[in-house]
Amino acid sequence: MEKAMYQSHGVGYAEYSRNFNKRMQVERDRDLDYRQSLMMVREFDRKLQK
C-alpha cells in the first residue's frame, strides 16, 4: 500500500497521515480521477448505445 500511495500521489502513507494539507490534496486528486473515470464510462456507454 505504501508503494502504491507513493507512486500514485508522490506521498507516503506516513506523511499522508501526518500532514492535513497533503491529505486534502491527495483526496482532491482522487476525487478528480474518480469523476474523470465516470465521464469516460458515460461517454463509452453513450457510444455503445448508438
PDB file of N, CA and C in Angstrom:
ATOM      1  N   MET A   1       0.829  -1.183   0.000  1.00  0.00           N
ATOM      2  CA  MET A   1       0.000   0.000   0.000  1.00  0.00           C
ATOM      3  C   MET A   1       0.881   1.257   0.000  1.00  0.00           C
ATOM      4  N   GLU A   2       1.961   1.218   0.740  1.00  0.00           N
ATOM      5  CA  GLU A   2       2.865   2.363   0.802  1.00  0.00           C
ATOM      6  C   GLU A   2       3.418   2.688  -0.575  1.00  0.00           C
ATOM      7  N   LYS A   3       3.842   1.653  -1.287  1.00  0.00           N
ATOM      8  CA  LYS A   3       4.436   1.850  -2.609  1.00  0.00           C
ATOM      9  C   LYS A   3       3.405   2.416  -3.582  1.00  0.00           C
ATOM     10  N   ALA A   4       2.207   1.882  -3.559  1.00  0.00           N
ATOM     11  CA  ALA A   4       1.143   2.356  -4.447  1.00  0.00           C
ATOM     12  C   ALA A   4       0.786   3.804  -4.147  1.00  0.00           C
ATOM     13  N   MET A   5       0.732   4.137  -2.876  1.00  0.00           N
ATOM     14  CA  MET A   5       0.407   5.513  -2.472  1.00  0.00           C
ATOM     15  C   MET A   5       1.482   6.468  -2.979  1.00  0.00           C
ATOM     16  N   TYR A   6       2.727   6.065  -2.823  1.00  0.00           N
ATOM     17  CA  TYR A   6       3.826   6.918  -3.257  1.00  0.00           C
ATOM     18  C   TYR A   6       3.849   7.054  -4.778  1.00  0.00           C
ATOM     19  N   GLN A   7       3.609   5.956  -5.494  1.00  0.00           N
ATOM     20  CA  GLN A   7       3.614   6.007  -6.956  1.00  0.00           C
ATOM     21  C   GLN A   7       2.446   6.827  -7.497  1.00  0.00           C
ATOM     22  N   SER A   8       1.299   6.694  -6.886  1.00  0.00           N
ATOM     23  CA  SER A   8       0.109   7.396  -7.368  1.00  0.00           C
ATOM     24  C   SER A   8       0.102   8.883  -7.030  1.00  0.00           C
ATOM     25  N   HIS A   9       0.545   9.197  -5.828  1.00  0.00           N
ATOM     26  CA  HIS A   9       0.378  10.563  -5.345  1.00  0.00           C
ATOM     27  C   HIS A   9       1.681  11.246  -4.945  1.00  0.00           C
ATOM     28  N   GLY A  10       2.774  10.516  -4.955  1.00  0.00           N
ATOM     29  CA  GLY A  10       4.059  11.107  -4.591  1.00  0.00           C
ATOM     30  C   GLY A  10       4.203  11.381  -3.104  1.00  0.00           C
ATOM     31  N   VAL A  11       3.370  10.722  -2.297  1.00  0.00           N
ATOM     32  CA  VAL A  11       3.366  10.918  -0.851  1.00  0.00           C
ATOM     33  C   VAL A  11       3.268   9.556  -0.192  1.00  0.00           C
ATOM     34  N   GLY A  12       4.092   9.315   0.797  1.00  0.00           N
ATOM     35  CA  GLY A  12       3.995   8.077   1.557  1.00  0.00           C
ATOM     36  C   GLY A  12       2.822   8.129   2.513  1.00  0.00           C
ATOM     37  N   TYR A  13       2.398   6.967   2.996  1.00  0.00           N
ATOM     38  CA  TYR A  13       1.242   6.918   3.880  1.00  0.00           C
ATOM     39  C   TYR A  13       1.505   7.644   5.199  1.00  0.00           C
ATOM     40  N   ALA A  14       2.730   7.540   5.716  1.00  0.00           N
ATOM     41  CA  ALA A  14       3.043   8.210   6.985  1.00  0.00           C
ATOM     42  C   ALA A  14       2.879   9.723   6.844  1.00  0.00           C
ATOM     43  N   GLU A  15       3.393  10.284   5.755  1.00  0.00           N
ATOM     44  CA  GLU A  15       3.249  11.723   5.532  1.00  0.00           C
ATOM     45  C   GLU A  15       1.793  12.087   5.287  1.00  0.00           C
ATOM     46  N   TYR A  16       1.072  11.236   4.558  1.00  0.00           N
ATOM     47  CA  TYR A  16      -0.356  11.432   4.305  1.00  0.00           C
ATOM     48  C   TYR A  16      -1.120  11.512   5.632  1.00  0.00           C
ATOM     49  N   SER A  17      -0.754  10.646   6.560  1.00  0.00           N
ATOM     50  CA  SER A  17      -1.438  10.615   7.853  1.00  0.00           C
ATOM     51  C   SER A  17      -1.121  11.842   8.704  1.00  0.00           C
ATOM     52  N   ARG A  18       0.104  12.334   8.634  1.00  0.00           N
ATOM     53  CA  ARG A  18       0.534  13.446   9.484  1.00  0.00           C
ATOM     54  C   ARG A  18       0.134  14.810   8.948  1.00  0.00           C
ATOM     55  N   ASN A  19       0.156  14.981   7.650  1.00  0.00           N
ATOM     56  CA  ASN A  19       0.020  16.310   7.061  1.00  0.00           C
ATOM     57  C   ASN A  19      -1.374  16.501   6.465  1.00  0.00           C
ATOM     58  N   PHE A  20      -2.165  17.349   7.102  1.00  0.00           N
ATOM     59  CA  PHE A  20      -3.546  17.580   6.664  1.00  0.00           C
ATOM     60  C   PHE A  20      -3.608  18.131   5.243  1.00  0.00           C
ATOM     61  N   ASN A  21      -2.738  19.077   4.903  1.00  0.00           N
ATOM     62  CA  ASN A  21      -2.770  19.675   3.567  1.00  0.00           C
ATOM     63  C   ASN A  21      -2.448  18.647   2.490  1.00  0.00           C
ATOM     64  N   LYS A  22      -1.489  17.776   2.758  1.00  0.00           N
ATOM     65  CA  LYS A  22      -1.169  16.712   1.801  1.00  0.00           C
ATOM     66  C   LYS A  22      -2.363  15.776   1.636  1.00  0.00           C
ATOM     67  N   ARG A  23      -2.997  15.451   2.757  1.00  0.00           N
ATOM     68  CA  ARG A  23      -4.155  14.560   2.725  1.00  0.00           C
ATOM     69  C   ARG A  23      -5.277  15.166   1.879  1.00  0.00           C
ATOM     70  N   MET A  24      -5.530  16.444   2.056  1.00  0.00           N
ATOM     71  CA  MET A  24      -6.586  17.103   1.285  1.00  0.00           C
ATOM     72  C   MET A  24      -6.238  17.137  -0.201  1.00  0.00           C
ATOM     73  N   GLN A  25      -4.963  17.375  -0.529  1.00  0.00           N
ATOM     74  CA  GLN A  25      -4.543  17.382  -1.937  1.00  0.00           C
ATOM     75  C   GLN A  25      -4.723  15.996  -2.562  1.00  0.00           C
ATOM     76  N   VAL A  26      -4.326  14.950  -1.831  1.00  0.00           N
ATOM     77  CA  VAL A  26      -4.490  13.582  -2.337  1.00  0.00           C
ATOM     78  C   VAL A  26      -5.966  13.276  -2.544  1.00  0.00           C
ATOM     79  N   GLU A  27      -6.804  13.665  -1.593  1.00  0.00           N
ATOM     80  CA  GLU A  27      -8.241  13.387  -1.719  1.00  0.00           C
ATOM     81  C   GLU A  27      -8.859  14.181  -2.867  1.00  0.00           C
ATOM     82  N   ARG A  28      -8.405  15.412  -3.103  1.00  0.00           N
ATOM     83  CA  ARG A  28      -8.891  16.179  -4.262  1.00  0.00           C
ATOM     84  C   ARG A  28      -8.496  15.482  -5.556  1.00  0.00           C
ATOM     85  N   ASP A  29      -7.255  15.009  -5.607  1.00  0.00           N
ATOM     86  CA  ASP A  29      -6.782  14.301  -6.803  1.00  0.00           C
ATOM     87  C   ASP A  29      -7.580  13.023  -7.030  1.00  0.00           C
ATOM     88  N   ARG A  30      -7.850  12.288  -5.959  1.00  0.00           N
ATOM     89  CA  ARG A  30      -8.646  11.056  -6.076  1.00  0.00           C
ATOM     90  C   ARG A  30     -10.047  11.362  -6.586  1.00  0.00           C
ATOM     91  N   ASP A  31     -10.649  12.407  -6.038  1.00  0.00           N
ATOM     92  CA  ASP A  31     -11.996  12.788  -6.461  1.00  0.00           C
ATOM     93  C   ASP A  31     -12.012  13.173  -7.941  1.00  0.00           C
ATOM     94  N   LEU A  32     -11.006  13.923  -8.369  1.00  0.00           N
ATOM     95  CA  LEU A  32     -10.909  14.316  -9.776  1.00  0.00           C
ATOM     96  C   LEU A  32     -10.749  13.083 -10.668  1.00  0.00           C
ATOM     97  N   ASP A  33      -9.883  12.154 -10.275  1.00  0.00           N
ATOM     98  CA  ASP A  33      -9.705  10.924 -11.042  1.00  0.00           C
ATOM     99  C   ASP A  33     -11.003  10.135 -11.131  1.00  0.00           C
ATOM    100  N   TYR A  34     -11.722  10.064 -10.011  1.00  0.00           N
ATOM    101  CA  TYR A  34     -12.991   9.349  -9.976  1.00  0.00           C
ATOM    102  C   TYR A  34     -14.006   9.986 -10.929  1.00  0.00           C
ATOM    103  N   ARG A  35     -14.120  11.299 -10.885  1.00  0.00           N
ATOM    104  CA  ARG A  35     -15.069  11.994 -11.755  1.00  0.00           C
ATOM    105  C   ARG A  35     -14.702  11.835 -13.234  1.00  0.00           C
ATOM    106  N   GLN A  36     -13.405  11.879 -13.530  1.00  0.00           N
ATOM    107  CA  GLN A  36     -12.969  11.697 -14.912  1.00  0.00           C
ATOM    108  C   GLN A  36     -13.275  10.281 -15.398  1.00  0.00           C
ATOM    109  N   SER A  37     -13.104   9.299 -14.534  1.00  0.00           N
ATOM    110  CA  SER A  37     -13.400   7.925 -14.938  1.00  0.00           C
ATOM    111  C   SER A  37     -14.899   7.741 -15.166  1.00  0.00           C
ATOM    112  N   LEU A  38     -15.726   8.392 -14.344  1.00  0.00           N
ATOM    113  CA  LEU A  38     -17.176   8.319 -14.566  1.00  0.00           C
ATOM    114  C   LEU A  38     -17.551   8.930 -15.912  1.00  0.00           C
ATOM    115  N   MET A  39     -16.924  10.052 -16.245  1.00  0.00           N
ATOM    116  CA  MET A  39     -17.212  10.689 -17.530  1.00  0.00           C
ATOM    117  C   MET A  39     -16.795   9.781 -18.685  1.00  0.00           C
ATOM    118  N   MET A  40     -15.660   9.104 -18.554  1.00  0.00           N
ATOM    119  CA  MET A  40     -15.216   8.183 -19.605  1.00  0.00           C
ATOM    120  C   MET A  40     -16.198   7.034 -19.784  1.00  0.00           C
ATOM    121  N   VAL A  41     -16.671   6.494 -18.664  1.00  0.00           N
ATOM    122  CA  VAL A  41     -17.625   5.384 -18.727  1.00  0.00           C
ATOM    123  C   VAL A  41     -18.926   5.843 -19.368  1.00  0.00           C
ATOM    124  N   ARG A  42     -19.405   7.017 -18.985  1.00  0.00           N
ATOM    125  CA  ARG A  42     -20.645   7.539 -19.583  1.00  0.00           C
ATOM    126  C   ARG A  42     -20.488   7.735 -21.091  1.00  0.00           C
ATOM    127  N   GLU A  43     -19.344   8.285 -21.497  1.00  0.00           N
ATOM    128  CA  GLU A  43     -19.086   8.501 -22.919  1.00  0.00           C
ATOM    129  C   GLU A  43     -19.030   7.172 -23.660  1.00  0.00           C
ATOM    130  N   PHE A  44     -18.362   6.200 -23.070  1.00  0.00           N
ATOM    131  CA  PHE A  44     -18.270   4.882 -23.681  1.00  0.00           C
ATOM    132  C   PHE A  44     -19.654   4.241 -23.806  1.00  0.00           C
ATOM    133  N   ASP A  45     -20.450   4.319 -22.731  1.00  0.00           N
ATOM    134  CA  ASP A  45     -21.810   3.770 -22.769  1.00  0.00           C
ATOM    135  C   ASP A  45     -22.659   4.482 -23.817  1.00  0.00           C
ATOM    136  N   ARG A  46     -22.497   5.781 -23.927  1.00  0.00           N
ATOM    137  CA  ARG A  46     -23.258   6.553 -24.915  1.00  0.00           C
ATOM    138  C   ARG A  46     -22.923   6.095 -26.320  1.00  0.00           C
ATOM    139  N   LYS A  47     -21.635   5.871 -26.566  1.00  0.00           N
ATOM    140  CA  LYS A  47     -21.216   5.427 -27.899  1.00  0.00           C
ATOM    141  C   LYS A  47     -21.706   4.015 -28.180  1.00  0.00           C
ATOM    142  N   LEU A  48     -21.806   3.180 -27.156  1.00  0.00           N
ATOM    143  CA  LEU A  48     -22.306   1.823 -27.371  1.00  0.00           C
ATOM    144  C   LEU A  48     -23.806   1.807 -27.671  1.00  0.00           C
ATOM    145  N   GLN A  49     -24.523   2.781 -27.170  1.00  0.00           N
ATOM    146  CA  GLN A  49     -25.969   2.834 -27.353  1.00  0.00           C
ATOM    147  C   GLN A  49     -26.367   3.174 -28.780  1.00  0.00           C
ATOM    148  N   LYS A  50     -25.454   3.798 -29.532  1.00  0.00           N
ATOM    149  CA  LYS A  50     -25.782   4.206 -30.921  1.00  0.00           C
ATOM    150  C   LYS A  50     -25.886   3.030 -31.832  1.00  0.00           C
TER     151      LYS A  50
END
